Protein backbone atom coordinates (compact mmCIF):
# COMPACT_ATOMS: atom_id res chain seq x y z
CA MET A 1 192.72 147.09 64.31
CA SER A 2 189.27 145.91 65.36
CA THR A 3 186.90 148.50 66.77
CA SER A 4 185.74 146.12 69.49
CA MET A 5 187.41 144.38 72.43
CA ARG A 6 186.78 141.53 74.82
CA VAL A 7 186.15 142.23 78.50
CA MET A 8 185.28 140.16 81.54
CA GLU A 9 182.33 142.10 82.86
CA LEU A 10 181.01 142.06 86.40
CA VAL A 11 177.30 141.51 85.83
CA ARG A 12 176.16 140.70 89.38
CA PHE A 13 177.56 140.90 92.89
CA GLY A 14 178.22 137.60 94.63
CA ASP A 15 180.14 134.38 94.08
CA ALA A 16 182.95 134.36 91.54
CA ASP A 17 181.47 131.57 89.42
CA THR A 18 178.30 133.57 88.64
CA ALA A 19 179.55 137.15 88.81
CA PHE A 20 181.39 137.50 85.48
CA ALA A 21 180.46 137.25 81.83
CA THR A 22 182.57 137.54 78.68
CA ARG A 23 181.43 140.48 76.58
CA GLU A 24 182.42 142.06 73.27
CA VAL A 25 182.18 145.84 73.63
CA PRO A 26 183.33 148.86 71.59
CA ARG A 27 186.99 149.67 72.00
CA PRO A 28 187.37 153.01 73.83
CA ALA A 29 189.01 156.03 72.24
CA PRO A 30 191.43 158.28 74.12
CA GLY A 31 190.25 161.78 74.97
CA PRO A 32 192.35 164.88 75.66
CA GLY A 33 195.42 164.01 77.73
CA GLN A 34 194.67 160.30 77.56
CA VAL A 35 196.31 157.22 76.06
CA LEU A 36 194.80 153.99 74.79
CA VAL A 37 196.76 150.98 76.04
CA ARG A 38 196.69 147.43 74.76
CA VAL A 39 196.52 145.54 78.04
CA LEU A 40 198.99 142.66 78.02
CA ALA A 41 198.62 141.76 81.68
CA THR A 42 196.66 142.65 84.79
CA SER A 43 196.29 140.99 88.19
CA VAL A 44 193.77 140.18 90.91
CA ASN A 45 193.83 141.93 94.28
CA PRO A 46 191.78 141.69 97.50
CA LEU A 47 190.07 144.94 96.47
CA ASP A 48 188.72 143.09 93.42
CA LEU A 49 187.25 140.40 95.66
CA GLN A 50 185.55 142.99 97.85
CA THR A 51 184.20 144.80 94.80
CA ARG A 52 182.87 141.59 93.28
CA ARG A 53 181.19 140.58 96.54
CA GLY A 54 179.38 143.93 96.69
CA ASP A 55 181.24 145.65 99.53
CA TYR A 56 181.37 148.84 97.45
CA ARG A 57 178.10 148.48 95.59
CA ASP A 58 177.15 152.08 96.37
CA GLN A 59 180.20 153.26 94.41
CA LEU A 60 179.86 151.02 91.36
CA ALA A 61 176.91 150.59 89.00
CA LEU A 62 176.58 147.26 87.20
CA PRO A 63 177.45 146.02 84.68
CA ALA A 64 181.05 147.18 85.06
CA VAL A 65 184.59 146.14 84.29
CA ILE A 66 186.76 146.01 87.41
CA GLY A 67 190.50 145.57 87.97
CA ASN A 68 193.24 148.16 88.50
CA ASP A 69 196.66 146.85 87.41
CA VAL A 70 197.91 147.34 83.86
CA SER A 71 201.05 146.55 81.94
CA GLY A 72 200.87 146.97 78.21
CA VAL A 73 201.66 148.98 75.10
CA VAL A 74 200.37 152.38 74.04
CA VAL A 75 198.47 152.09 70.76
CA GLU A 76 196.91 155.55 70.43
CA THR A 77 197.18 158.97 72.08
CA GLY A 78 194.55 161.64 72.51
CA PRO A 79 194.92 165.38 71.91
CA GLY A 80 197.59 166.89 74.13
CA ALA A 81 198.90 163.51 75.33
CA GLY A 82 202.51 164.05 74.32
CA ASP A 83 204.27 162.11 77.07
CA PHE A 84 204.00 158.80 75.21
CA LEU A 85 204.05 157.46 71.68
CA PRO A 86 202.41 154.39 70.15
CA GLY A 87 204.62 151.40 70.90
CA ASP A 88 205.78 152.63 74.32
CA GLU A 89 205.67 149.95 77.00
CA VAL A 90 203.92 151.26 80.10
CA TRP A 91 202.50 150.23 83.46
CA TYR A 92 200.08 151.93 85.80
CA LEU A 93 197.43 151.70 88.48
CA ALA A 94 193.98 152.61 87.14
CA PRO A 95 191.53 154.79 89.12
CA MET A 96 189.30 152.88 91.53
CA PHE A 97 185.57 152.34 90.89
CA ALA A 98 185.59 154.06 87.50
CA GLY A 99 183.61 151.21 85.93
CA GLN A 100 186.14 150.89 83.11
CA GLY A 101 188.65 148.60 84.75
CA THR A 102 191.49 146.45 83.53
CA TYR A 103 189.85 143.06 82.95
CA ALA A 104 189.83 144.09 79.31
CA GLU A 105 191.92 143.91 76.15
CA PHE A 106 192.26 147.71 75.94
CA HIS A 107 192.09 150.49 78.50
CA VAL A 108 192.00 154.29 78.35
CA VAL A 109 193.74 156.31 81.08
CA ASP A 110 194.99 159.82 81.77
CA GLN A 111 198.66 159.95 80.80
CA ALA A 112 199.52 161.57 84.15
CA LEU A 113 198.93 158.21 85.86
CA VAL A 114 201.16 156.25 83.48
CA ALA A 115 204.87 155.42 83.76
CA ARG A 116 207.29 153.63 81.48
CA LYS A 117 207.58 149.96 82.33
CA PRO A 118 210.90 148.98 83.94
CA ALA A 119 212.93 147.09 81.36
CA ARG A 120 213.83 144.40 83.89
CA LEU A 121 210.19 143.40 84.30
CA SER A 122 208.04 141.37 81.94
CA HIS A 123 204.50 142.62 81.44
CA VAL A 124 203.16 139.90 83.74
CA GLU A 125 205.62 140.95 86.44
CA ALA A 126 204.85 144.66 86.06
CA ALA A 127 201.11 144.04 86.31
CA ALA A 128 201.66 141.99 89.44
CA LEU A 129 203.57 144.84 91.08
CA ALA A 130 201.60 147.96 90.20
CA LEU A 131 198.89 148.15 92.88
CA VAL A 132 200.81 146.42 95.66
CA GLY A 133 203.94 148.41 94.91
CA VAL A 134 202.15 151.77 94.93
CA THR A 135 200.35 150.76 98.12
CA VAL A 136 203.60 149.89 99.86
CA TRP A 137 205.38 153.03 98.68
CA GLU A 138 202.58 155.25 99.92
CA ALA A 139 202.38 153.35 103.22
CA LEU A 140 206.06 153.17 104.11
CA VAL A 141 207.47 156.30 102.44
CA GLU A 142 204.67 158.86 102.15
CA ARG A 143 202.73 157.98 105.31
CA ALA A 144 205.11 156.28 107.78
CA GLY A 145 208.27 158.03 106.60
CA VAL A 146 210.47 155.02 107.31
CA ARG A 147 214.07 156.02 108.09
CA VAL A 148 217.37 154.17 107.95
CA GLY A 149 217.93 152.08 111.06
CA GLU A 150 214.29 151.92 112.14
CA ARG A 151 212.53 148.62 112.80
CA VAL A 152 209.45 147.84 110.70
CA LEU A 153 206.89 145.09 111.30
CA VAL A 154 205.09 143.83 108.20
CA HIS A 155 202.04 141.74 109.00
CA GLY A 156 201.37 139.00 106.44
CA GLY A 157 204.80 138.97 104.81
CA ALA A 158 204.06 136.10 102.42
CA GLY A 159 201.15 137.87 100.72
CA GLY A 160 201.13 140.19 97.72
CA VAL A 161 201.47 143.46 99.66
CA GLY A 162 203.59 141.91 102.40
CA SER A 163 206.18 140.46 100.04
CA ALA A 164 206.63 143.85 98.37
CA ALA A 165 206.69 145.66 101.72
CA ILE A 166 209.54 143.52 103.05
CA GLN A 167 211.66 144.42 100.04
CA VAL A 168 210.87 148.14 100.09
CA ALA A 169 211.43 148.44 103.84
CA SER A 170 214.76 146.66 103.48
CA ALA A 171 215.73 148.94 100.58
CA LEU A 172 214.96 151.94 102.80
CA GLY A 173 217.53 150.69 105.30
CA ALA A 174 215.12 149.39 107.93
CA GLU A 175 215.36 146.23 110.00
CA VAL A 176 212.38 144.15 108.90
CA VAL A 177 210.27 141.91 111.13
CA THR A 178 207.39 140.01 109.58
CA THR A 179 204.66 137.60 110.57
CA ALA A 180 204.26 134.51 108.41
CA ARG A 181 203.57 130.83 108.83
CA ALA A 182 206.62 128.67 109.54
CA ARG A 183 206.49 127.15 106.07
CA ASP A 184 207.03 130.65 104.61
CA HIS A 185 209.95 131.72 106.81
CA GLU A 186 212.65 130.82 104.31
CA PHE A 187 210.70 132.64 101.61
CA VAL A 188 210.30 135.91 103.55
CA THR A 189 213.91 135.78 104.71
CA GLU A 190 215.06 135.55 101.09
CA LEU A 191 213.00 138.67 100.38
CA GLY A 192 214.89 140.58 103.07
CA ALA A 193 213.14 139.96 106.39
CA ASP A 194 215.56 139.96 109.32
CA VAL A 195 213.13 138.26 111.73
CA ALA A 196 210.17 136.02 110.89
CA ILE A 197 207.52 135.19 113.51
CA ASP A 198 205.04 132.34 113.13
CA PHE A 199 201.75 134.03 113.97
CA SER A 200 199.94 130.68 113.97
CA ALA A 201 202.15 129.22 116.73
CA GLY A 202 201.63 131.82 119.43
CA ASP A 203 201.14 135.46 120.35
CA TYR A 204 203.33 137.72 118.25
CA VAL A 205 203.23 140.62 120.73
CA PRO A 206 205.68 139.28 123.37
CA GLN A 207 208.04 138.12 120.62
CA VAL A 208 208.17 141.59 119.09
CA ARG A 209 208.49 143.21 122.50
CA ALA A 210 211.51 141.00 123.16
CA LEU A 211 213.16 142.64 120.15
CA GLY A 212 212.57 146.08 121.66
CA GLY A 213 209.36 146.87 119.79
CA VAL A 214 209.06 148.45 116.34
CA ASP A 215 208.94 151.98 114.99
CA VAL A 216 206.48 151.22 112.20
CA VAL A 217 203.73 148.64 111.68
CA LEU A 218 202.24 147.89 108.26
CA ASP A 219 198.97 146.05 108.80
CA THR A 220 197.61 143.93 105.96
CA VAL A 221 195.42 141.70 108.15
CA GLY A 222 193.09 143.81 110.29
CA GLY A 223 190.97 142.49 113.14
CA ASP A 224 192.76 141.46 116.32
CA THR A 225 196.12 141.79 114.58
CA LEU A 226 195.47 145.48 114.04
CA ALA A 227 193.95 145.94 117.48
CA ARG A 228 197.07 144.64 119.22
CA SER A 229 199.64 146.34 116.98
CA PRO A 230 200.00 149.51 119.12
CA GLU A 231 201.14 147.29 122.00
CA ILE A 232 204.48 146.78 120.23
CA LEU A 233 205.09 150.32 118.94
CA THR A 234 207.95 152.38 120.33
CA ASP A 235 207.35 155.96 121.42
CA ARG A 236 206.08 158.06 118.52
CA GLY A 237 205.64 154.94 116.44
CA ARG A 238 203.55 154.91 113.27
CA LEU A 239 200.93 152.40 112.17
CA VAL A 240 199.60 152.15 108.62
CA SER A 241 196.67 149.84 107.90
CA ILE A 242 195.36 149.01 104.42
CA VAL A 243 192.39 147.07 105.83
CA ASP A 244 189.02 148.79 105.91
CA ILE A 245 187.42 148.48 109.35
CA PRO A 246 184.24 149.98 110.85
CA GLU A 247 186.11 151.90 113.53
CA PRO A 248 189.63 152.31 114.99
CA GLN A 249 190.57 149.88 117.73
CA ASN A 250 192.68 150.01 120.90
CA LEU A 251 193.41 153.70 120.61
CA LEU A 252 194.21 153.91 124.31
CA ALA A 253 197.35 151.81 123.77
CA ALA A 254 198.23 153.98 120.77
CA TRP A 255 197.75 157.14 122.86
CA GLY A 256 200.13 155.74 125.48
CA VAL A 257 203.04 155.73 123.02
CA ASN A 258 202.10 158.89 121.11
CA ALA A 259 201.42 156.78 118.02
CA THR A 260 200.34 158.10 114.65
CA TYR A 261 197.70 156.09 112.76
CA HIS A 262 197.18 156.08 109.00
CA PHE A 263 194.29 154.26 107.32
CA LEU A 264 195.27 153.99 103.68
CA PHE A 265 193.20 153.71 100.53
CA VAL A 266 195.79 153.93 97.80
CA SER A 267 195.76 156.54 95.04
CA PRO A 268 197.33 156.14 91.57
CA GLY A 269 200.29 158.23 90.48
CA ARG A 270 203.25 158.27 88.12
CA ALA A 271 205.78 159.46 90.71
CA LYS A 272 205.25 156.38 92.88
CA LEU A 273 205.66 154.04 89.92
CA THR A 274 208.82 155.84 88.87
CA ALA A 275 210.28 155.46 92.37
CA LEU A 276 209.38 151.76 92.39
CA GLY A 277 210.97 151.39 88.95
CA ARG A 278 214.26 152.70 90.33
CA LEU A 279 214.24 150.02 93.01
CA VAL A 280 213.51 147.41 90.35
CA ASP A 281 216.40 148.69 88.22
CA GLN A 282 218.70 148.52 91.26
CA GLY A 283 217.74 144.90 91.89
CA LYS A 284 216.12 145.76 95.23
CA LEU A 285 212.52 144.95 94.33
CA ARG A 286 210.96 142.10 92.43
CA PRO A 287 207.33 141.02 92.14
CA VAL A 288 206.41 137.64 93.55
CA ILE A 289 204.02 135.74 91.28
CA GLY A 290 202.17 132.73 92.59
CA THR A 291 200.43 131.79 89.35
CA VAL A 292 199.37 133.21 85.98
CA LEU A 293 195.92 132.62 84.49
CA PRO A 294 194.28 133.80 81.24
CA LEU A 295 191.67 136.56 81.26
CA THR A 296 188.91 134.06 80.55
CA ASP A 297 189.71 132.35 83.86
CA ILE A 298 189.13 135.49 85.94
CA ALA A 299 186.53 133.72 88.09
CA GLN A 300 189.07 131.00 88.89
CA ALA A 301 191.61 133.66 89.77
CA HIS A 302 189.17 135.15 92.28
CA THR A 303 188.45 131.72 93.76
CA LEU A 304 192.15 130.99 94.10
CA LEU A 305 192.88 134.30 95.83
CA GLU A 306 190.03 133.67 98.24
CA GLY A 307 191.68 130.38 99.19
CA GLY A 308 188.71 128.32 98.13
CA SER A 309 188.65 125.21 96.00
CA ALA A 310 191.89 124.22 94.28
CA VAL A 311 192.55 125.69 90.86
CA GLN A 312 194.99 123.89 88.54
CA GLY A 313 196.34 121.93 91.50
CA HIS A 314 197.31 125.08 93.47
CA ARG A 315 196.30 126.24 96.91
CA ARG A 316 196.19 129.99 97.56
CA PRO A 317 199.64 131.06 96.37
CA ARG A 318 202.31 133.22 97.90
CA GLY A 319 202.54 136.57 96.21
CA LYS A 320 200.27 137.68 93.40
CA ILE A 321 197.88 136.08 90.93
CA ALA A 322 198.65 137.61 87.55
CA VAL A 323 196.36 137.56 84.51
CA ALA A 324 197.69 137.33 80.94
CA VAL A 325 195.25 139.30 78.79
CA HIS A 326 196.95 138.99 75.40
CA PRO A 327 199.36 136.22 74.34
CA MET A 328 202.93 137.31 75.04
CA ASP A 329 206.20 136.08 73.60
CA GLU A 330 208.09 136.57 76.88
CA PRO A 331 208.03 133.77 79.47
CA PRO A 332 207.53 134.63 83.14
CA SER A 333 210.85 135.28 84.87
CA ARG A 334 212.23 132.24 86.65
CA THR A 335 213.40 134.46 89.48
CA THR A 336 210.00 135.86 90.31
CA SER A 337 207.60 132.92 90.04
CA VAL A 338 206.90 130.88 93.14
CA PRO A 339 206.00 127.19 92.87
């Protein structure tokens, strides 16, 4: 095996077309309790866009490799890393802002963060689910504590996090309401949404109130959407937002219903991946992939996620943008790709 690897390195903050450069760097070696993984697939998330633009420049020194999703194969283990063997197929969410991200052919990680890849998922599919899946699990299960029979509102149901959240909330036994454009209503209904509201056609608040309000809100949008969310919470409702904002908004309305707020910055962990894997195995959760691009097209992947100029004839897709790092024999699943 070569002692070097190819990475797409973030060399400057700013626009996608000037931010990245292809580099050949030494392949890392696993330390105590670590595994070296051959990265077969990763994906692009809004956090990557923010990092590239420089929103977190105080936490990341350049040049750096960014990216957080991994699905791949263990190739080497460090001292004391006995949970996995070379050849094991794994998936995981890498630590944030470590500088050694997943836009790379190989990646070293503590074995405690790694889980065995669900057999029902291809590597592309697993990489598309890791960060969004862990985010949703932490939001709905660990923070909001969604219970059977409750009503959950997922803002932005056609997006990467939203599409996973609909499925997880449904699997938890909740009634799921989501906001999405009219063209996406059939799509979100197929994922498990009971009610779909076109946020672009009018105020969502009176429509949700007409349903009797909701017990839980998962906010993936921020801004005015977040500010008005407590207006539709039932008494002792819970709101979880994954959008970073300068300050909380409309807390008086939240106070009026004894609401609990959670502002979530996700943390990696094997237990969350294992729980998600069970849902996958039960047929209750599937990643939604909008398109797959090679690692060398990482700048195009960023542009596509931002909804900018068309890439390969696509507009910004539903679901996730996955990145194939190494050639793979397996084709993407027909049931998870979205035209």
